[in-house]
PDB file of all heavy atoms in Angstrom:
ATOM      1  N   LYS A   1     138.185 -10.817 136.090  1.00  0.00           N
ATOM      2  CA  LYS A   1     138.884 -10.731 137.379  1.00  0.00           C
ATOM      3  C   LYS A   1     138.723 -12.090 138.152  1.00  0.00           C
ATOM      4  O   LYS A   1     139.575 -12.610 138.674  1.00  0.00           O
ATOM      5  CB  LYS A   1     138.379  -9.568 138.066  1.00  0.00           C
ATOM      6  CG  LYS A   1     139.124  -9.337 139.432  1.00  0.00           C
ATOM      7  CD  LYS A   1     138.607  -8.077 140.185  1.00  0.00           C
ATOM      8  CE  LYS A   1     139.253  -7.907 141.507  1.00  0.00           C
ATOM      9  NZ  LYS A   1     138.777  -6.798 142.278  1.00  0.00           N
ATOM     10  N   LYS A   2     137.444 -12.487 138.286  1.00  0.00           N
ATOM     11  CA  LYS A   2     136.981 -13.734 139.127  1.00  0.00           C
ATOM     12  C   LYS A   2     137.781 -14.921 138.484  1.00  0.00           C
ATOM     13  O   LYS A   2     138.219 -15.770 139.296  1.00  0.00           O
ATOM     14  CB  LYS A   2     135.465 -13.901 139.042  1.00  0.00           C
ATOM     15  CG  LYS A   2     135.053 -15.164 139.749  1.00  0.00           C
ATOM     16  CD  LYS A   2     133.513 -15.294 139.525  1.00  0.00           C
ATOM     17  CE  LYS A   2     133.073 -16.594 140.115  1.00  0.00           C
ATOM     18  NZ  LYS A   2     131.607 -16.786 139.870  1.00  0.00           N
ATOM     19  N   HIS A   3     137.851 -15.098 137.193  1.00  0.00           N
ATOM     20  CA  HIS A   3     138.459 -16.324 136.653  1.00  0.00           C
ATOM     21  C   HIS A   3     139.845 -16.197 136.160  1.00  0.00           C
ATOM     22  O   HIS A   3     140.473 -17.183 135.641  1.00  0.00           O
ATOM     23  CB  HIS A   3     137.532 -16.653 135.459  1.00  0.00           C
ATOM     24  CG  HIS A   3     136.138 -17.089 135.860  1.00  0.00           C
ATOM     25  ND1 HIS A   3     135.896 -18.262 136.625  1.00  0.00           N
ATOM     26  CD2 HIS A   3     135.011 -16.485 135.718  1.00  0.00           C
ATOM     27  CE1 HIS A   3     134.623 -18.323 136.765  1.00  0.00           C
ATOM     28  NE2 HIS A   3     134.036 -17.263 136.268  1.00  0.00           N
ATOM     29  N   GLY A   4     140.524 -14.990 136.389  1.00  0.00           N
ATOM     30  CA  GLY A   4     141.929 -14.836 135.992  1.00  0.00           C
ATOM     31  C   GLY A   4     142.141 -14.828 134.495  1.00  0.00           C
ATOM     32  O   GLY A   4     142.958 -15.534 134.033  1.00  0.00           O
ATOM     33  N   ALA A   5     141.419 -13.997 133.792  1.00  0.00           N
ATOM     34  CA  ALA A   5     141.622 -13.806 132.285  1.00  0.00           C
ATOM     35  C   ALA A   5     141.828 -12.386 131.886  1.00  0.00           C
ATOM     36  O   ALA A   5     141.550 -11.543 132.729  1.00  0.00           O
ATOM     37  CB  ALA A   5     140.308 -14.420 131.649  1.00  0.00           C
ATOM     38  N   VAL A   6     142.297 -12.198 130.787  1.00  0.00           N
ATOM     39  CA  VAL A   6     142.555 -10.816 130.203  1.00  0.00           C
ATOM     40  C   VAL A   6     141.852 -10.614 128.907  1.00  0.00           C
ATOM     41  O   VAL A   6     141.519 -11.562 128.178  1.00  0.00           O
ATOM     42  CB  VAL A   6     144.065 -10.568 130.009  1.00  0.00           C
ATOM     43  CG1 VAL A   6     144.773 -10.624 131.465  1.00  0.00           C
ATOM     44  CG2 VAL A   6     144.781 -11.537 129.092  1.00  0.00           C
ATOM     45  N   TYR A   7     141.717  -9.329 128.611  1.00  0.00           N
ATOM     46  CA  TYR A   7     141.227  -8.923 127.266  1.00  0.00           C
ATOM     47  C   TYR A   7     142.299  -8.058 126.626  1.00  0.00           C
ATOM     48  O   TYR A   7     142.757  -7.161 127.338  1.00  0.00           O
ATOM     49  CB  TYR A   7     139.848  -8.134 127.534  1.00  0.00           C
ATOM     50  CG  TYR A   7     139.398  -7.378 126.285  1.00  0.00           C
ATOM     51  CD1 TYR A   7     139.182  -8.014 125.150  1.00  0.00           C
ATOM     52  CD2 TYR A   7     139.225  -5.991 126.317  1.00  0.00           C
ATOM     53  CE1 TYR A   7     138.709  -7.334 123.999  1.00  0.00           C
ATOM     54  CE2 TYR A   7     138.636  -5.296 125.185  1.00  0.00           C
ATOM     55  CZ  TYR A   7     138.508  -6.028 124.085  1.00  0.00           C
ATOM     56  OH  TYR A   7     138.060  -5.308 122.933  1.00  0.00           O
ATOM     57  N   LEU A   8     142.660  -8.364 125.457  1.00  0.00           N
ATOM     58  CA  LEU A   8     143.682  -7.672 124.725  1.00  0.00           C
ATOM     59  C   LEU A   8     143.052  -7.053 123.516  1.00  0.00           C
ATOM     60  O   LEU A   8     142.162  -7.531 122.862  1.00  0.00           O
ATOM     61  CB  LEU A   8     144.727  -8.745 124.245  1.00  0.00           C
ATOM     62  CG  LEU A   8     145.280  -9.652 125.313  1.00  0.00           C
ATOM     63  CD1 LEU A   8     146.065 -10.834 124.693  1.00  0.00           C
ATOM     64  CD2 LEU A   8     146.174  -8.858 126.329  1.00  0.00           C
ATOM     65  N   CYS A   9     143.515  -5.756 123.268  1.00  0.00           N
ATOM     66  CA  CYS A   9     142.967  -4.964 122.267  1.00  0.00           C
ATOM     67  C   CYS A   9     143.901  -4.963 120.993  1.00  0.00           C
ATOM     68  O   CYS A   9     145.112  -4.613 121.130  1.00  0.00           O
ATOM     69  CB  CYS A   9     142.686  -3.543 122.713  1.00  0.00           C
ATOM     70  SG  CYS A   9     141.562  -3.416 124.153  1.00  0.00           S
ATOM     71  N   ALA A  10     143.284  -5.215 119.872  1.00  0.00           N
ATOM     72  CA  ALA A  10     144.023  -5.055 118.636  1.00  0.00           C
ATOM     73  C   ALA A  10     143.645  -3.731 118.055  1.00  0.00           C
ATOM     74  O   ALA A  10     142.596  -3.219 118.300  1.00  0.00           O
ATOM     75  CB  ALA A  10     143.637  -6.264 117.806  1.00  0.00           C
ATOM     76  N   MET A  11     144.486  -3.171 117.132  1.00  0.00           N
ATOM     77  CA  MET A  11     144.182  -1.870 116.482  1.00  0.00           C
ATOM     78  C   MET A  11     143.093  -2.033 115.437  1.00  0.00           C
ATOM     79  O   MET A  11     143.386  -2.781 114.359  1.00  0.00           O
ATOM     80  CB  MET A  11     145.478  -1.323 115.996  1.00  0.00           C
ATOM     81  CG  MET A  11     145.274   0.086 115.408  1.00  0.00           C
ATOM     82  SD  MET A  11     146.739   0.763 114.638  1.00  0.00           S
ATOM     83  CE  MET A  11     147.849   0.645 116.035  1.00  0.00           C
ATOM     84  N   GLY A  12     141.957  -1.405 115.476  1.00  0.00           N
ATOM     85  CA  GLY A  12     140.991  -1.439 114.517  1.00  0.00           C
ATOM     86  C   GLY A  12     141.567  -0.541 113.393  1.00  0.00           C
ATOM     87  O   GLY A  12     142.252   0.308 113.490  1.00  0.00           O
ATOM     88  N   GLY A  13     141.119  -0.993 112.181  1.00  0.00           N
ATOM     89  CA  GLY A  13     141.611  -0.298 110.919  1.00  0.00           C
ATOM     90  C   GLY A  13     142.982  -0.739 110.363  1.00  0.00           C
ATOM     91  O   GLY A  13     143.319  -0.161 109.472  1.00  0.00           O
ATOM     92  N   ALA A  14     143.579  -1.689 111.082  1.00  0.00           N
ATOM     93  CA  ALA A  14     144.913  -2.081 110.684  1.00  0.00           C
ATOM     94  C   ALA A  14     144.942  -3.542 110.387  1.00  0.00           C
ATOM     95  O   ALA A  14     145.845  -4.286 110.749  1.00  0.00           O
ATOM     96  CB  ALA A  14     145.877  -1.771 111.862  1.00  0.00           C
ATOM     97  N   GLY A  15     143.909  -4.059 109.640  1.00  0.00           N
ATOM     98  CA  GLY A  15     143.727  -5.462 109.400  1.00  0.00           C
ATOM     99  C   GLY A  15     144.881  -6.033 108.512  1.00  0.00           C
ATOM    100  O   GLY A  15     145.277  -7.163 108.718  1.00  0.00           O
ATOM    101  N   ALA A  16     145.488  -5.138 107.695  1.00  0.00           N
ATOM    102  CA  ALA A  16     146.621  -5.675 106.833  1.00  0.00           C
ATOM    103  C   ALA A  16     147.865  -5.848 107.703  1.00  0.00           C
ATOM    104  O   ALA A  16     148.674  -6.842 107.456  1.00  0.00           O
ATOM    105  CB  ALA A  16     146.953  -4.654 105.733  1.00  0.00           C
ATOM    106  N   ILE A  17     148.070  -4.984 108.625  1.00  0.00           N
ATOM    107  CA  ILE A  17     149.227  -5.151 109.525  1.00  0.00           C
ATOM    108  C   ILE A  17     149.073  -6.382 110.328  1.00  0.00           C
ATOM    109  O   ILE A  17     149.962  -7.230 110.586  1.00  0.00           O
ATOM    110  CB  ILE A  17     149.399  -3.812 110.385  1.00  0.00           C
ATOM    111  CG1 ILE A  17     149.797  -2.664 109.637  1.00  0.00           C
ATOM    112  CG2 ILE A  17     150.395  -4.064 111.594  1.00  0.00           C
ATOM    113  CD1 ILE A  17     149.810  -1.325 110.330  1.00  0.00           C
ATOM    114  N   ALA A  18     147.848  -6.602 110.897  1.00  0.00           N
ATOM    115  CA  ALA A  18     147.524  -7.753 111.675  1.00  0.00           C
ATOM    116  C   ALA A  18     147.772  -8.960 110.897  1.00  0.00           C
ATOM    117  O   ALA A  18     148.453  -9.929 111.332  1.00  0.00           O
ATOM    118  CB  ALA A  18     146.046  -7.792 112.156  1.00  0.00           C
ATOM    119  N   ALA A  19     147.435  -8.997 109.587  1.00  0.00           N
ATOM    120  CA  ALA A  19     147.590 -10.171 108.770  1.00  0.00           C
ATOM    121  C   ALA A  19     149.109 -10.539 108.683  1.00  0.00           C
ATOM    122  O   ALA A  19     149.443 -11.744 108.535  1.00  0.00           O
ATOM    123  CB  ALA A  19     146.958  -9.948 107.369  1.00  0.00           C
ATOM    124  N   SER A  20     149.952  -9.544 108.617  1.00  0.00           N
ATOM    125  CA  SER A  20     151.346  -9.763 108.469  1.00  0.00           C
ATOM    126  C   SER A  20     151.949 -10.541 109.718  1.00  0.00           C
ATOM    127  O   SER A  20     152.985 -11.160 109.616  1.00  0.00           O
ATOM    128  CB  SER A  20     152.093  -8.433 108.162  1.00  0.00           C
ATOM    129  OG  SER A  20     152.204  -7.727 109.337  1.00  0.00           O
ATOM    130  N   CYS A  21     151.207 -10.566 110.772  1.00  0.00           N
ATOM    131  CA  CYS A  21     151.627 -11.205 111.983  1.00  0.00           C
ATOM    132  C   CYS A  21     151.062 -12.685 112.120  1.00  0.00           C
ATOM    133  O   CYS A  21     151.327 -13.284 113.151  1.00  0.00           O
ATOM    134  CB  CYS A  21     151.349 -10.371 113.240  1.00  0.00           C
ATOM    135  SG  CYS A  21     152.135  -8.773 113.298  1.00  0.00           S
ATOM    136  N   ILE A  22     150.245 -13.011 111.157  1.00  0.00           N
ATOM    137  CA  ILE A  22     149.593 -14.357 111.276  1.00  0.00           C
ATOM    138  C   ILE A  22     150.338 -15.269 110.246  1.00  0.00           C
ATOM    139  O   ILE A  22     150.327 -14.975 109.056  1.00  0.00           O
ATOM    140  CB  ILE A  22     148.147 -14.256 111.072  1.00  0.00           C
ATOM    141  CG1 ILE A  22     147.492 -13.337 111.983  1.00  0.00           C
ATOM    142  CG2 ILE A  22     147.499 -15.670 110.939  1.00  0.00           C
ATOM    143  CD1 ILE A  22     146.055 -13.012 111.769  1.00  0.00           C
ATOM    144  N   LYS A  23     150.994 -16.230 110.749  1.00  0.00           N
ATOM    145  CA  LYS A  23     151.908 -17.105 110.010  1.00  0.00           C
ATOM    146  C   LYS A  23     151.187 -18.375 109.361  1.00  0.00           C
ATOM    147  O   LYS A  23     151.639 -18.920 108.358  1.00  0.00           O
ATOM    148  CB  LYS A  23     153.056 -17.581 110.767  1.00  0.00           C
ATOM    149  CG  LYS A  23     153.872 -16.393 111.226  1.00  0.00           C
ATOM    150  CD  LYS A  23     154.203 -15.416 110.099  1.00  0.00           C
ATOM    151  CE  LYS A  23     154.817 -14.079 110.524  1.00  0.00           C
ATOM    152  NZ  LYS A  23     155.001 -13.128 109.472  1.00  0.00           N
ATOM    153  N   SER A  24     150.107 -18.820 109.956  1.00  0.00           N
ATOM    154  CA  SER A  24     149.358 -19.893 109.416  1.00  0.00           C
ATOM    155  C   SER A  24     147.922 -19.812 109.938  1.00  0.00           C
ATOM    156  O   SER A  24     147.527 -19.343 110.904  1.00  0.00           O
ATOM    157  CB  SER A  24     149.976 -21.335 109.724  1.00  0.00           C
ATOM    158  OG  SER A  24     149.812 -21.620 111.121  1.00  0.00           O
ATOM    159  N   VAL A  25     147.027 -20.400 109.054  1.00  0.00           N
ATOM    160  CA  VAL A  25     145.561 -20.445 109.271  1.00  0.00           C
ATOM    161  C   VAL A  25     144.989 -21.785 108.807  1.00  0.00           C
ATOM    162  O   VAL A  25     145.321 -22.263 107.777  1.00  0.00           O
ATOM    163  CB  VAL A  25     144.898 -19.303 108.594  1.00  0.00           C
ATOM    164  CG1 VAL A  25     143.326 -19.345 108.797  1.00  0.00           C
ATOM    165  CG2 VAL A  25     145.408 -17.959 109.001  1.00  0.00           C
ATOM    166  N   GLU A  26     144.182 -22.359 109.787  1.00  0.00           N
ATOM    167  CA  GLU A  26     143.529 -23.611 109.315  1.00  0.00           C
ATOM    168  C   GLU A  26     142.074 -23.615 109.805  1.00  0.00           C
ATOM    169  O   GLU A  26     141.824 -23.270 110.966  1.00  0.00           O
ATOM    170  CB  GLU A  26     144.206 -24.739 110.044  1.00  0.00           C
ATOM    171  CG  GLU A  26     143.520 -26.107 109.901  1.00  0.00           C
ATOM    172  CD  GLU A  26     144.165 -27.170 110.759  1.00  0.00           C
ATOM    173  OE1 GLU A  26     145.098 -26.945 111.618  1.00  0.00           O
ATOM    174  OE2 GLU A  26     143.702 -28.318 110.727  1.00  0.00           O
ATOM    175  N   VAL A  27     141.121 -23.794 108.918  1.00  0.00           N
ATOM    176  CA  VAL A  27     139.725 -23.798 109.290  1.00  0.00           C
ATOM    177  C   VAL A  27     139.536 -25.164 110.083  1.00  0.00           C
ATOM    178  O   VAL A  27     139.824 -26.137 109.533  1.00  0.00           O
ATOM    179  CB  VAL A  27     138.718 -23.725 108.102  1.00  0.00           C
ATOM    180  CG1 VAL A  27     137.298 -24.000 108.467  1.00  0.00           C
ATOM    181  CG2 VAL A  27     138.933 -22.391 107.379  1.00  0.00           C
TER     182      VAL A  27
END
């Protein structure tokens, strides 16, 4: 609240669905 940031929740147990929304990854 002080710094103007948010916390967003992803659905636990749905890692495969999450992966389908990730288009590129770079270490």
